[in-house]
Amino acid sequence: MTARIYQVPKSAMQSGRAMTDNWVLEFEQSEARRPDPLMGWTGSADTQAQVQLTFPDKDAAKAYAERYGIAARVYATPPKTLKIQAYADNFR
């Protein structure tokens, strides 16, 4: 079982930063997805891919993975860049 640990990004539809300080441990797929011959929906028999565990910080997520023997990769959060501009810049 392999997993990835990452920080929840801000949604494009949200202006605030609520719930962006949480870290998620998400299992990677162990088998490929395939289309259902009758309905055409895509799916697999891998139930671990549906599991997402939320932690308050990165260290707690790494400790959980080590405790249960899960090989986990930590993805760093990209730095936040702010584009500071004045309202008057819209009319130039």
N, C-alpha and C. Protein backbone atom coordinates (compact mmCIF):
# COMPACT_ATOMS: atom_id res chain seq x y z
N MET A 1 0.83 -1.18 0.00
CA MET A 1 0.00 0.00 0.00
C MET A 1 0.88 1.25 0.00
N THR A 2 0.66 2.09 -0.95
CA THR A 2 1.36 3.37 -0.98
C THR A 2 0.32 4.48 -0.86
N ALA A 3 0.76 5.59 -0.31
CA ALA A 3 -0.15 6.71 -0.10
C ALA A 3 0.60 8.00 -0.38
N ARG A 4 -0.15 9.07 -0.49
CA ARG A 4 0.46 10.38 -0.64
C ARG A 4 -0.14 11.31 0.40
N ILE A 5 0.70 12.19 0.91
CA ILE A 5 0.31 13.15 1.93
C ILE A 5 0.47 14.54 1.33
N TYR A 6 -0.60 15.32 1.38
CA TYR A 6 -0.54 16.67 0.81
C TYR A 6 -1.46 17.58 1.60
N GLN A 7 -1.23 18.87 1.45
CA GLN A 7 -2.06 19.87 2.12
C GLN A 7 -3.22 20.23 1.20
N VAL A 8 -4.39 20.40 1.77
CA VAL A 8 -5.58 20.68 0.98
C VAL A 8 -5.45 22.06 0.34
N PRO A 9 -5.57 22.17 -0.99
CA PRO A 9 -5.48 23.48 -1.63
C PRO A 9 -6.80 24.24 -1.51
N LYS A 10 -6.73 25.53 -1.72
CA LYS A 10 -7.92 26.36 -1.70
C LYS A 10 -8.70 26.14 -2.98
N SER A 11 -9.98 26.03 -2.87
CA SER A 11 -10.84 25.85 -4.03
C SER A 11 -10.89 27.14 -4.85
N ALA A 12 -11.10 27.03 -6.14
CA ALA A 12 -11.21 28.21 -6.99
C ALA A 12 -12.47 29.00 -6.69
N MET A 13 -13.44 28.37 -6.06
CA MET A 13 -14.70 29.03 -5.76
C MET A 13 -14.72 29.65 -4.37
N GLN A 14 -13.62 29.59 -3.65
CA GLN A 14 -13.63 30.12 -2.29
C GLN A 14 -12.64 31.27 -2.19
N SER A 15 -13.05 32.31 -1.48
CA SER A 15 -12.18 33.46 -1.35
C SER A 15 -11.35 33.38 -0.08
N GLY A 16 -11.85 32.71 0.94
CA GLY A 16 -11.12 32.58 2.20
C GLY A 16 -10.20 31.38 2.20
N ARG A 17 -9.57 31.15 3.35
CA ARG A 17 -8.64 30.03 3.45
C ARG A 17 -9.12 29.00 4.48
N ALA A 18 -10.42 28.84 4.63
CA ALA A 18 -10.97 27.88 5.57
C ALA A 18 -10.64 26.46 5.12
N MET A 19 -10.25 25.62 6.06
CA MET A 19 -9.95 24.20 5.83
C MET A 19 -8.72 23.97 4.97
N THR A 20 -7.90 24.98 4.71
CA THR A 20 -6.70 24.78 3.90
C THR A 20 -5.49 24.43 4.74
N ASP A 21 -5.64 24.42 6.07
CA ASP A 21 -4.52 24.04 6.91
C ASP A 21 -4.52 22.55 7.24
N ASN A 22 -5.49 21.81 6.74
CA ASN A 22 -5.55 20.36 6.97
C ASN A 22 -4.64 19.62 5.99
N TRP A 23 -4.16 18.46 6.43
CA TRP A 23 -3.34 17.60 5.60
C TRP A 23 -4.11 16.32 5.34
N VAL A 24 -3.98 15.76 4.15
CA VAL A 24 -4.74 14.59 3.73
C VAL A 24 -3.79 13.44 3.41
N LEU A 25 -4.12 12.26 3.90
CA LEU A 25 -3.43 11.03 3.51
C LEU A 25 -4.39 10.29 2.59
N GLU A 26 -3.97 10.07 1.35
CA GLU A 26 -4.82 9.48 0.33
C GLU A 26 -4.09 8.30 -0.29
N PHE A 27 -4.74 7.17 -0.36
CA PHE A 27 -4.12 5.98 -0.93
C PHE A 27 -4.12 6.04 -2.44
N GLU A 28 -3.04 5.55 -3.05
CA GLU A 28 -2.96 5.51 -4.51
C GLU A 28 -3.63 4.24 -5.01
N GLN A 29 -4.04 4.27 -6.26
CA GLN A 29 -4.74 3.12 -6.84
C GLN A 29 -3.79 1.96 -7.04
N SER A 30 -4.26 0.77 -6.70
CA SER A 30 -3.43 -0.42 -6.87
C SER A 30 -3.75 -1.15 -8.17
N GLU A 31 -4.85 -0.84 -8.77
CA GLU A 31 -5.18 -1.45 -10.07
C GLU A 31 -5.80 -0.39 -10.98
N ALA A 32 -5.72 -0.64 -12.25
CA ALA A 32 -6.21 0.33 -13.24
C ALA A 32 -7.74 0.35 -13.27
N ARG A 33 -8.27 1.48 -13.63
CA ARG A 33 -9.72 1.59 -13.80
C ARG A 33 -10.10 1.01 -15.16
N ARG A 34 -11.30 0.49 -15.24
CA ARG A 34 -11.77 -0.09 -16.49
C ARG A 34 -13.26 0.25 -16.66
N PRO A 35 -13.71 0.38 -17.89
CA PRO A 35 -15.13 0.71 -18.11
C PRO A 35 -16.02 -0.51 -17.89
N ASP A 36 -17.17 -0.27 -17.32
CA ASP A 36 -18.16 -1.32 -17.13
C ASP A 36 -18.79 -1.64 -18.48
N PRO A 37 -18.87 -2.91 -18.88
CA PRO A 37 -19.38 -3.21 -20.22
C PRO A 37 -20.86 -2.87 -20.40
N LEU A 38 -21.65 -2.91 -19.34
CA LEU A 38 -23.08 -2.66 -19.46
C LEU A 38 -23.41 -1.16 -19.44
N MET A 39 -22.92 -0.47 -18.42
CA MET A 39 -23.28 0.94 -18.24
C MET A 39 -22.27 1.91 -18.85
N GLY A 40 -21.02 1.48 -18.99
CA GLY A 40 -20.00 2.35 -19.53
C GLY A 40 -19.33 3.22 -18.49
N TRP A 41 -19.70 3.06 -17.21
CA TRP A 41 -19.08 3.83 -16.14
C TRP A 41 -17.68 3.30 -15.88
N THR A 42 -16.80 4.16 -15.44
CA THR A 42 -15.44 3.76 -15.13
C THR A 42 -15.36 3.40 -13.65
N GLY A 43 -14.71 2.27 -13.34
CA GLY A 43 -14.58 1.87 -11.94
C GLY A 43 -13.50 0.81 -11.79
N SER A 44 -13.29 0.42 -10.53
CA SER A 44 -12.32 -0.62 -10.23
C SER A 44 -12.75 -1.31 -8.94
N ALA A 45 -12.08 -2.40 -8.61
CA ALA A 45 -12.39 -3.15 -7.39
C ALA A 45 -11.53 -2.67 -6.22
N ASP A 46 -10.73 -1.64 -6.44
CA ASP A 46 -9.84 -1.14 -5.40
C ASP A 46 -10.62 -0.20 -4.48
N THR A 47 -10.90 -0.64 -3.25
CA THR A 47 -11.67 0.19 -2.32
C THR A 47 -10.78 1.13 -1.53
N GLN A 48 -9.47 0.90 -1.48
CA GLN A 48 -8.57 1.79 -0.74
C GLN A 48 -8.47 3.16 -1.41
N ALA A 49 -8.70 3.23 -2.70
CA ALA A 49 -8.60 4.51 -3.41
C ALA A 49 -9.70 5.47 -2.98
N GLN A 50 -10.74 4.97 -2.30
CA GLN A 50 -11.84 5.82 -1.86
C GLN A 50 -11.57 6.43 -0.49
N VAL A 51 -10.51 6.00 0.19
CA VAL A 51 -10.24 6.43 1.56
C VAL A 51 -9.39 7.70 1.56
N GLN A 52 -9.85 8.70 2.31
CA GLN A 52 -9.09 9.93 2.54
C GLN A 52 -9.12 10.21 4.03
N LEU A 53 -7.95 10.29 4.64
CA LEU A 53 -7.85 10.58 6.06
C LEU A 53 -7.34 12.01 6.23
N THR A 54 -7.95 12.78 7.11
CA THR A 54 -7.59 14.17 7.34
C THR A 54 -6.87 14.30 8.67
N PHE A 55 -5.79 15.10 8.67
CA PHE A 55 -4.98 15.32 9.86
C PHE A 55 -4.77 16.81 10.06
N PRO A 56 -4.53 17.24 11.31
CA PRO A 56 -4.32 18.67 11.56
C PRO A 56 -2.98 19.19 11.08
N ASP A 57 -1.96 18.32 11.00
CA ASP A 57 -0.65 18.77 10.52
C ASP A 57 0.07 17.63 9.83
N LYS A 58 1.18 17.98 9.19
CA LYS A 58 1.95 17.02 8.40
C LYS A 58 2.57 15.93 9.27
N ASP A 59 3.04 16.30 10.44
CA ASP A 59 3.69 15.33 11.32
C ASP A 59 2.72 14.25 11.79
N ALA A 60 1.48 14.61 12.03
CA ALA A 60 0.48 13.63 12.45
C ALA A 60 0.19 12.64 11.32
N ALA A 61 0.15 13.12 10.10
CA ALA A 61 -0.09 12.24 8.95
C ALA A 61 1.09 11.29 8.74
N LYS A 62 2.31 11.81 8.88
CA LYS A 62 3.48 10.95 8.73
C LYS A 62 3.57 9.92 9.85
N ALA A 63 3.21 10.31 11.06
CA ALA A 63 3.23 9.37 12.19
C ALA A 63 2.21 8.26 12.00
N TYR A 64 1.04 8.59 11.46
CA TYR A 64 0.02 7.57 11.19
C TYR A 64 0.52 6.57 10.15
N ALA A 65 1.14 7.09 9.10
CA ALA A 65 1.64 6.21 8.04
C ALA A 65 2.75 5.29 8.58
N GLU A 66 3.62 5.81 9.41
CA GLU A 66 4.69 4.98 9.98
C GLU A 66 4.13 3.94 10.95
N ARG A 67 3.13 4.32 11.74
CA ARG A 67 2.55 3.41 12.72
C ARG A 67 1.92 2.19 12.05
N TYR A 68 1.28 2.39 10.92
CA TYR A 68 0.59 1.30 10.24
C TYR A 68 1.38 0.73 9.05
N GLY A 69 2.62 1.13 8.88
CA GLY A 69 3.48 0.57 7.85
C GLY A 69 3.08 0.95 6.43
N ILE A 70 2.59 2.13 6.25
CA ILE A 70 2.16 2.61 4.94
C ILE A 70 3.30 3.42 4.34
N ALA A 71 3.72 3.05 3.14
CA ALA A 71 4.76 3.82 2.44
C ALA A 71 4.10 5.09 1.89
N ALA A 72 4.48 6.23 2.43
CA ALA A 72 3.83 7.48 2.05
C ALA A 72 4.85 8.47 1.53
N ARG A 73 4.44 9.22 0.50
CA ARG A 73 5.25 10.32 -0.03
C ARG A 73 4.58 11.62 0.36
N VAL A 74 5.38 12.57 0.79
CA VAL A 74 4.86 13.88 1.19
C VAL A 74 5.09 14.86 0.05
N TYR A 75 4.01 15.49 -0.39
CA TYR A 75 4.09 16.49 -1.44
C TYR A 75 4.09 17.87 -0.79
N ALA A 76 5.11 18.65 -1.09
CA ALA A 76 5.25 19.97 -0.49
C ALA A 76 4.20 20.92 -1.05
N THR A 77 3.80 21.85 -0.22
CA THR A 77 2.84 22.85 -0.63
C THR A 77 3.55 23.95 -1.41
N PRO A 78 3.05 24.32 -2.59
CA PRO A 78 3.71 25.39 -3.33
C PRO A 78 3.57 26.71 -2.58
N PRO A 79 4.56 27.59 -2.71
CA PRO A 79 4.48 28.87 -2.00
C PRO A 79 3.34 29.73 -2.54
N LYS A 80 2.73 30.48 -1.64
CA LYS A 80 1.62 31.34 -2.03
C LYS A 80 2.16 32.67 -2.50
N THR A 81 1.75 33.07 -3.68
CA THR A 81 2.17 34.36 -4.22
C THR A 81 0.94 35.25 -4.35
N LEU A 82 1.09 36.47 -3.91
CA LEU A 82 -0.01 37.43 -3.98
C LEU A 82 0.29 38.46 -5.05
N LYS A 83 -0.70 38.76 -5.85
CA LYS A 83 -0.57 39.80 -6.87
C LYS A 83 -1.27 41.04 -6.33
N ILE A 84 -0.49 41.94 -5.78
CA ILE A 84 -1.03 43.14 -5.17
C ILE A 84 -1.24 44.19 -6.26
N GLN A 85 -2.47 44.67 -6.36
CA GLN A 85 -2.75 45.72 -7.33
C GLN A 85 -3.88 46.59 -6.80
N ALA A 86 -3.95 47.76 -7.32
CA ALA A 86 -4.98 48.71 -6.92
C ALA A 86 -6.18 48.59 -7.85
N TYR A 87 -7.31 49.04 -7.39
CA TYR A 87 -8.53 49.02 -8.21
C TYR A 87 -8.36 49.87 -9.47
N ALA A 88 -7.59 50.94 -9.37
CA ALA A 88 -7.37 51.84 -10.51
C ALA A 88 -6.60 51.14 -11.64
N ASP A 89 -5.87 50.07 -11.34
CA ASP A 89 -5.14 49.36 -12.38
C ASP A 89 -6.06 48.70 -13.39
N ASN A 90 -7.32 48.48 -13.05
CA ASN A 90 -8.27 47.88 -13.99
C ASN A 90 -8.63 48.82 -15.13
N PHE A 91 -8.35 50.10 -15.00
CA PHE A 91 -8.74 51.09 -16.00
C PHE A 91 -7.57 51.67 -16.76
N ARG A 92 -6.44 51.03 -16.73
CA ARG A 92 -5.27 51.52 -17.47
C ARG A 92 -5.20 50.91 -18.83
